[in-house]
């Protein structure tokens, strides 16, 4: 009996220890993970109201299922009954249960929070797996002099910036969105959206298309975006090697031309990027078109009707007799000049010799 009691006591002690360790571990875990204030962005989120009180308090919210191509807009309204420092922090789940900071603000207020300080936005991207992500948002209060009371309201909105085909193009060439085939005389228009560095991680879009070029045809690709942006366009081969590349360079548009002497349908990749977000953000369009190769033409009018005819380029020619005459004349002239130069040099040497004799 005594042995059973001792075993029971040991088991209770182990269970108590495990419970304590679990509690401590839970306290040490990221509050973005442990928070119970969770909202599913696939459904409409009503304004969230709350109050922070005392000298130090913070509250974490988690917004789940932000899809690629969607931008989460958070608008925070705060008001304090005394001078206090309020803080806001926005993070996103970079890996499972691992969050990284996106933006943070700390403002001292006496009354309402300025409107521009309470606005946050961030756009998710297709990183190759087309998976949604989670956003964590914190509101906090710190008042050193006296306890404060801060009331707040968090409003949530979603903007969608999908690319051609109503999908979010991936940022990896192996997951490129398909555009189909580009035929001669039938342009294909691509529309998309990139985010700037501070407003998301959608910095590159890849597309895949096929076309048949060959002699007498060329592919024209024109990228257009806002004038202040510096977007990049590249045409890649099937291995991902860049065949043509250019930048808009704050000019609003740029054009690439590609030719291929080989006939038959060939697959290419189109990449649109903004240098990791530093090239600006916003919408863009790309026109892909196969055209006949341009040749120099002249207009010829016949009985009042204008027609275009390609004029062959001819080189001037000489008959053989004239060519021989020119060659013989040139040789004779060179020989005569050589004889005269030899005579002059001989006379000069004789004059020098006579002077030496007289001396």
Protein backbone atom coordinates (compact mmCIF):
# COMPACT_ATOMS: atom_id res chain seq x y z
CA UNK A 1 0.00 0.00 0.00
CA UNK A 2 2.80 2.39 0.91
CA UNK A 3 4.46 1.68 -2.43
CA UNK A 4 1.27 2.53 -4.33
CA UNK A 5 0.97 5.79 -2.41
CA UNK A 6 4.52 6.75 -3.27
CA UNK A 7 3.97 5.95 -6.96
CA UNK A 8 0.76 8.00 -6.98
CA UNK A 9 2.52 10.92 -5.32
CA UNK A 10 5.32 10.74 -7.87
CA UNK A 11 2.82 10.72 -10.74
CA UNK A 12 1.01 13.74 -9.32
CA UNK A 13 4.33 15.56 -8.96
CA UNK A 14 5.24 14.81 -12.58
CA UNK A 15 1.84 15.98 -13.84
CA UNK A 16 2.13 19.18 -11.80
CA UNK A 17 5.58 19.82 -13.21
CA UNK A 18 4.37 19.25 -16.78
CA UNK A 19 1.45 21.61 -16.21
CA UNK A 20 3.82 24.30 -14.92
CA UNK A 21 6.18 23.87 -17.86
CA UNK A 22 3.26 24.05 -20.30
CA UNK A 23 2.00 27.25 -18.67
CA UNK A 24 5.44 28.87 -18.79
CA UNK A 25 5.94 27.77 -22.41
CA UNK A 26 2.56 29.22 -23.38
CA UNK A 27 3.55 32.54 -21.82
CA UNK A 28 6.82 32.52 -23.74
CA UNK A 29 5.15 31.78 -27.10
CA UNK A 30 4.46 34.49 -29.64
CA UNK A 31 1.21 36.31 -28.73
CA UNK A 32 0.36 36.33 -32.46
CA UNK A 33 0.05 32.55 -32.12
CA UNK A 34 -1.63 32.35 -28.72
CA UNK A 35 -4.20 35.13 -29.16
CA UNK A 36 -7.88 34.16 -29.17
CA UNK A 37 -8.84 37.27 -31.16
CA UNK A 38 -8.94 35.62 -34.61
CA UNK A 39 -10.83 36.71 -37.72
CA UNK A 40 -11.32 34.91 -41.06
CA UNK A 41 -10.82 37.32 -43.99
CA UNK A 42 -12.93 35.10 -46.26
CA UNK A 43 -15.87 36.65 -44.43
CA UNK A 44 -16.72 40.31 -43.83
CA UNK A 45 -15.06 41.63 -40.67
CA UNK A 46 -17.11 44.14 -38.73
CA UNK A 47 -15.38 47.08 -36.96
CA UNK A 48 -13.54 45.88 -33.84
CA UNK A 49 -13.92 48.03 -30.72
CA UNK A 50 -11.89 47.85 -27.53
CA UNK A 51 -10.38 49.73 -24.58
CA UNK A 52 -6.83 49.80 -23.21
CA UNK A 53 -6.48 50.86 -19.58
CA UNK A 54 -3.77 51.40 -16.97
CA UNK A 55 -0.12 52.18 -17.47
CA UNK A 56 0.83 49.30 -19.76
CA UNK A 57 -1.44 47.08 -21.84
CA UNK A 58 -1.40 45.55 -25.32
CA UNK A 59 -3.73 43.39 -27.37
CA UNK A 60 -3.03 41.16 -30.38
CA UNK A 61 -5.38 40.31 -33.26
CA UNK A 62 -4.86 37.71 -35.97
CA UNK A 63 -6.43 37.98 -39.44
CA UNK A 64 -6.34 34.69 -41.35
CA UNK A 65 -6.66 33.64 -45.01
CA UNK A 66 -5.30 36.71 -46.80
CA UNK A 67 -5.05 35.41 -50.38
CA UNK A 68 -2.33 36.18 -52.95
CA UNK A 69 -3.25 39.32 -54.84
CA UNK A 70 -5.25 40.73 -51.92
CA UNK A 71 -4.27 43.83 -49.94
CA UNK A 72 -5.33 44.08 -46.29
CA UNK A 73 -6.22 47.64 -45.26
CA UNK A 74 -6.33 48.42 -41.53
CA UNK A 75 -7.64 51.74 -40.20
CA UNK A 76 -7.21 52.39 -36.46
CA UNK A 77 -9.04 55.17 -34.61
CA UNK A 78 -7.86 55.89 -31.06
CA UNK A 79 -8.67 58.43 -28.38
CA UNK A 80 -7.04 58.89 -24.97
CA UNK A 81 -8.35 60.65 -21.86
CA UNK A 82 -4.85 61.91 -21.04
CA UNK A 83 -1.36 62.15 -22.50
CA UNK A 84 -0.24 58.64 -23.37
CA UNK A 85 1.95 56.73 -25.79
CA UNK A 86 0.07 54.37 -28.10
CA UNK A 87 1.71 51.80 -30.37
CA UNK A 88 0.64 49.74 -33.39
CA UNK A 89 2.49 46.80 -34.91
CA UNK A 90 1.76 44.84 -38.11
CA UNK A 91 3.33 41.42 -38.83
CA UNK A 92 2.78 38.59 -41.29
CA UNK A 93 3.34 34.84 -41.08
CA UNK A 94 6.46 34.22 -43.15
CA UNK A 95 6.46 30.52 -42.18
CA UNK A 96 4.16 28.40 -40.04
CA UNK A 97 3.94 30.06 -36.60
CA UNK A 98 6.78 32.45 -37.50
CA UNK A 99 5.96 36.12 -37.88
CA UNK A 100 8.03 38.99 -39.24
CA UNK A 101 7.45 42.71 -38.80
CA UNK A 102 5.92 44.75 -41.61
CA UNK A 103 5.28 48.16 -40.03
CA UNK A 104 5.21 49.77 -36.60
CA UNK A 105 4.25 53.15 -35.16
CA UNK A 106 4.46 54.75 -31.75
CA UNK A 107 2.61 58.03 -31.22
CA UNK A 108 2.07 60.26 -28.18
CA UNK A 109 -1.51 61.49 -28.12
CA UNK A 110 -3.67 63.71 -25.94
CA UNK A 111 -7.08 63.07 -27.38
CA UNK A 112 -7.67 61.44 -30.79
CA UNK A 113 -5.00 59.76 -32.92
CA UNK A 114 -4.20 61.65 -36.17
CA UNK A 115 -5.91 59.87 -39.08
CA UNK A 116 -2.75 59.36 -41.16
CA UNK A 117 -1.07 57.56 -38.23
CA UNK A 118 -3.76 54.92 -38.10
CA UNK A 119 -3.65 53.65 -41.69
CA UNK A 120 -1.85 50.41 -42.63
CA UNK A 121 -1.90 48.38 -45.86
CA UNK A 122 -0.08 45.29 -47.06
CA UNK A 123 -0.44 43.08 -50.18
CA UNK A 124 0.20 39.34 -50.28
CA UNK A 125 1.81 37.64 -53.32
CA UNK A 126 1.88 34.25 -55.00
CA UNK A 127 5.25 32.92 -53.86
CA UNK A 128 4.94 29.83 -56.03
CA UNK A 129 2.56 27.85 -53.82
CA UNK A 130 -0.44 30.24 -54.15
CA UNK A 131 -1.17 29.87 -50.42
CA UNK A 132 -2.94 32.41 -48.17
CA UNK A 133 -1.18 33.94 -45.19
CA UNK A 134 -1.99 35.43 -41.78
CA UNK A 135 -1.58 38.99 -40.55
CA UNK A 136 -1.01 39.83 -36.88
CA UNK A 137 -1.84 43.31 -35.57
CA UNK A 138 -1.11 44.76 -32.14
CA UNK A 139 -2.47 47.84 -30.36
CA UNK A 140 -0.71 48.97 -27.19
CA UNK A 141 -0.76 51.60 -24.44
CA UNK A 142 2.05 52.98 -22.28
CA UNK A 143 1.52 55.80 -19.77
CA UNK A 144 4.36 56.48 -17.36
CA UNK A 145 2.96 59.49 -15.48
CA UNK A 146 -0.52 58.24 -14.64
CA UNK A 147 -2.99 55.51 -15.64
CA UNK A 148 -4.72 56.22 -18.94
CA UNK A 149 -7.74 55.00 -20.82
CA UNK A 150 -7.60 54.63 -24.61
CA UNK A 151 -10.63 53.58 -26.62
CA UNK A 152 -10.07 52.30 -30.15
CA UNK A 153 -11.84 51.00 -33.25
CA UNK A 154 -10.15 48.83 -35.90
CA UNK A 155 -11.75 48.79 -39.38
CA UNK A 156 -10.78 46.12 -41.91
CA UNK A 157 -10.96 46.29 -45.71
CA UNK A 158 -9.76 44.10 -48.60
CA UNK A 159 -8.63 45.29 -52.04
CA UNK A 160 -8.02 42.75 -54.81
CA UNK A 161 -5.31 43.33 -57.43
CA UNK A 162 -5.39 40.16 -59.53
CA UNK A 163 -3.46 39.72 -62.77
CA UNK A 164 -4.57 38.52 -66.22
CA UNK A 165 -6.96 35.59 -66.07
CA UNK A 166 -8.27 36.72 -62.66
CA UNK A 167 -5.36 34.97 -60.93
CA UNK A 168 -2.28 36.17 -59.10
CA UNK A 169 0.78 35.45 -61.27
CA UNK A 170 3.60 33.69 -59.40
CA UNK A 171 7.02 35.20 -58.72
CA UNK A 172 8.80 32.05 -59.96
CA UNK A 173 9.35 31.08 -63.60
CA UNK A 174 8.47 27.42 -63.01
CA UNK A 175 5.01 28.50 -61.79
CA UNK A 176 4.35 31.03 -64.57
CA UNK A 177 0.74 31.82 -65.52
CA UNK A 178 -0.18 30.63 -69.02
CA UNK A 179 -1.19 33.14 -71.70
CA UNK A 180 -1.66 30.60 -74.48
CA UNK A 181 -0.43 31.21 -78.04
CA UNK A 182 0.34 34.58 -79.64
CA UNK A 183 -0.62 34.43 -83.34
CA UNK A 184 0.43 36.70 -86.19
CA UNK A 185 -1.71 39.85 -86.23
CA UNK A 186 -3.62 38.95 -83.04
CA UNK A 187 -2.25 40.91 -80.04
CA UNK A 188 -2.48 39.52 -76.52
CA UNK A 189 -2.99 42.08 -73.72
CA UNK A 190 -1.66 41.30 -70.25
CA UNK A 191 -2.72 43.32 -67.20
CA UNK A 192 -1.23 43.03 -63.73
CA UNK A 193 -0.23 44.75 -60.51
CA UNK A 194 2.99 45.00 -58.48
CA UNK A 195 3.36 46.35 -54.94
CA UNK A 196 5.93 48.84 -53.75
CA UNK A 197 8.43 47.79 -51.09
CA UNK A 198 6.48 49.25 -48.14
CA UNK A 199 3.04 47.99 -49.19
CA UNK A 200 3.55 44.29 -49.93
CA UNK A 201 5.80 41.59 -51.36
CA UNK A 202 4.42 41.29 -54.92
CA UNK A 203 7.59 42.29 -56.77
CA UNK A 204 7.55 40.02 -59.86
CA UNK A 205 5.04 38.33 -62.16
CA UNK A 206 5.91 35.50 -64.57
CA UNK A 207 3.85 34.48 -67.61
CA UNK A 208 4.31 31.72 -70.18
CA UNK A 209 3.30 31.90 -73.85
CA UNK A 210 4.14 30.29 -77.18
CA UNK A 211 4.46 31.71 -80.67
CA UNK A 212 5.85 30.89 -84.12
CA UNK A 213 8.35 33.39 -85.54
CA UNK A 214 10.83 32.40 -88.22
CA UNK A 215 12.07 34.51 -91.17
CA UNK A 216 10.04 37.66 -91.86
CA UNK A 217 8.35 37.89 -88.43
CA UNK A 218 9.15 39.53 -85.10
CA UNK A 219 7.61 39.64 -81.62
CA UNK A 220 6.83 43.10 -80.21
CA UNK A 221 6.36 43.38 -76.41
CA UNK A 222 5.38 46.78 -74.99
CA UNK A 223 5.19 47.44 -71.23
CA UNK A 224 3.19 50.43 -69.95
CA UNK A 225 2.90 51.69 -66.34
CA UNK A 226 2.72 54.94 -64.37
CA UNK A 227 5.35 57.51 -65.32
CA UNK A 228 6.97 57.58 -61.87
CA UNK A 229 7.59 53.82 -61.84
CA UNK A 230 10.69 51.98 -63.01
CA UNK A 231 9.34 48.59 -64.08
CA UNK A 232 11.40 45.94 -65.89
CA UNK A 233 10.33 43.66 -68.72
CA UNK A 234 12.22 40.59 -69.90
CA UNK A 235 11.60 37.81 -72.42
CA UNK A 236 13.17 34.50 -71.37
CA UNK A 237 13.79 31.24 -73.17
CA UNK A 238 12.71 27.83 -71.89
CA UNK A 239 15.74 27.61 -69.57
CA UNK A 240 15.00 30.98 -67.96
CA UNK A 241 17.82 32.76 -69.82
CA UNK A 242 17.02 36.40 -70.63
CA UNK A 243 16.81 37.03 -74.38
CA UNK A 244 15.66 40.66 -74.23
CA UNK A 245 15.46 43.12 -71.30
CA UNK A 246 14.59 46.77 -70.73
CA UNK A 247 13.23 49.24 -68.15
CA UNK A 248 10.55 51.93 -68.27
CA UNK A 249 12.97 54.27 -66.38
CA UNK A 250 10.25 56.77 -65.38
CA UNK A 251 9.21 57.14 -69.06
CA UNK A 252 5.92 55.28 -68.72
CA UNK A 253 6.63 52.57 -71.32
CA UNK A 254 9.29 50.53 -73.09
CA UNK A 255 9.34 48.06 -76.01
CA UNK A 256 11.23 44.85 -76.77
CA UNK A 257 11.65 43.19 -80.19
CA UNK A 258 12.49 39.52 -80.63
CA UNK A 259 13.26 37.54 -83.78
CA UNK A 260 13.98 33.87 -84.31
CA UNK A 261 15.08 32.33 -87.60
CA UNK A 262 13.76 28.94 -86.55
CA UNK A 263 10.22 28.08 -87.58
CA UNK A 264 7.65 26.29 -85.47
CA UNK A 265 5.93 26.98 -82.15
CA UNK A 266 8.38 27.95 -79.38
CA UNK A 267 7.65 28.56 -75.69
CA UNK A 268 8.84 31.80 -74.06
CA UNK A 269 8.48 33.39 -70.63
CA UNK A 270 7.57 36.98 -69.84
CA UNK A 271 8.79 38.58 -66.60
CA UNK A 272 7.52 41.88 -65.18
CA UNK A 273 9.28 43.16 -62.04
CA UNK A 274 10.07 46.31 -60.05
CA UNK A 275 13.53 45.64 -58.56
CA UNK A 276 12.31 44.23 -55.27
CA UNK A 277 9.71 46.94 -54.77
CA UNK A 278 12.03 49.95 -55.07
CA UNK A 279 10.83 50.61 -58.63
CA UNK A 280 7.41 51.71 -57.40
CA UNK A 281 4.05 50.01 -57.40
CA UNK A 282 0.72 49.93 -59.18
CA UNK A 283 -0.91 48.52 -62.32
CA UNK A 284 0.77 47.70 -65.64
CA UNK A 285 -0.21 46.41 -69.07
CA UNK A 286 1.81 44.46 -71.64
CA UNK A 287 0.96 44.09 -75.32
CA UNK A 288 2.35 41.01 -77.09
CA UNK A 289 2.08 41.02 -80.88
CA UNK A 290 3.69 39.14 -83.78
CA UNK A 291 4.18 41.34 -86.85
CA UNK A 292 5.85 40.99 -90.26
CA UNK A 293 9.41 42.29 -90.20
CA UNK A 294 9.50 45.85 -91.51
CA UNK A 295 11.39 46.56 -94.77
CA UNK A 296 12.33 49.83 -96.48
CA UNK A 297 9.64 50.77 -99.05
CA UNK A 298 9.03 53.55 -101.61
CA UNK A 299 5.79 54.81 -103.11
CA UNK A 300 5.14 54.43 -106.85
CA UNK A 301 2.05 56.07 -108.35
CA UNK A 302 0.51 54.42 -111.41
CA UNK A 303 -2.65 55.85 -113.02
CA UNK A 304 -3.57 57.62 -109.81
CA UNK A 305 -3.20 54.56 -107.54
CA UNK A 306 -0.44 54.46 -104.88
CA UNK A 307 1.34 51.15 -104.47
CA UNK A 308 4.31 50.13 -102.31
CA UNK A 309 7.21 48.43 -104.03
CA UNK A 310 10.48 47.30 -102.54
CA UNK A 311 13.37 48.73 -104.56
CA UNK A 312 16.40 46.45 -104.94
CA UNK A 313 19.75 47.98 -104.03
CA UNK A 314 22.24 47.94 -106.96
CA UNK A 315 25.99 48.48 -106.84
CA UNK A 316 27.75 50.55 -109.62
CA UNK A 317 29.81 48.41 -112.02
CA UNK A 318 32.68 49.06 -114.54
CA UNK A 319 33.29 47.27 -117.81
CA UNK A 320 36.58 45.26 -117.95
CA UNK A 321 38.30 47.58 -120.49
CA UNK A 322 37.77 50.69 -118.36
CA UNK A 323 38.95 48.87 -115.26
CA UNK A 324 42.22 47.79 -117.06
CA UNK A 325 42.85 51.35 -118.26
CA UNK A 326 42.48 52.70 -114.73
CA UNK A 327 44.83 50.07 -113.32
CA UNK A 328 47.52 50.65 -116.04
CA UNK A 329 47.32 54.38 -115.59
CA UNK A 330 47.73 54.08 -111.85
CA UNK A 331 50.77 51.82 -112.20
CA UNK A 332 52.40 54.12 -114.81
CA UNK A 333 51.84 57.16 -112.61
CA UNK A 334 53.44 55.49 -109.61
CA UNK A 335 56.45 54.44 -111.72
CA UNK A 336 56.96 57.97 -113.09
CA UNK A 337 56.86 59.48 -109.61
CA UNK A 338 59.47 56.96 -108.46
CA UNK A 339 61.87 57.79 -111.36
CA UNK A 340 61.62 61.55 -110.76
CA UNK A 341 62.27 61.10 -107.03
CA UNK A 342 65.41 59.00 -107.81
CA UNK A 343 66.85 61.64 -110.19
CA UNK A 344 66.33 64.46 -107.67
CA UNK A 345 68.05 62.55 -104.88
CA UNK A 346 71.11 61.80 -107.16
CA UNK A 347 71.53 65.46 -108.08
CA UNK A 348 71.40 66.49 -104.45
CA UNK A 349 74.25 64.08 -103.57
CA UNK A 350 76.47 65.46 -106.38
CA UNK A 351 76.05 69.06 -105.22
CA UNK A 352 77.11 68.19 -101.73
CA UNK A 353 80.28 66.42 -103.04
CA UNK A 354 81.43 69.47 -105.10
CA UNK A 355 81.18 71.78 -102.10
CA UNK A 356 83.43 69.50 -100.12
CA UNK A 357 86.08 69.52 -102.88
CA UNK A 358 86.25 73.34 -103.02
CA UNK A 359 86.63 73.56 -99.26
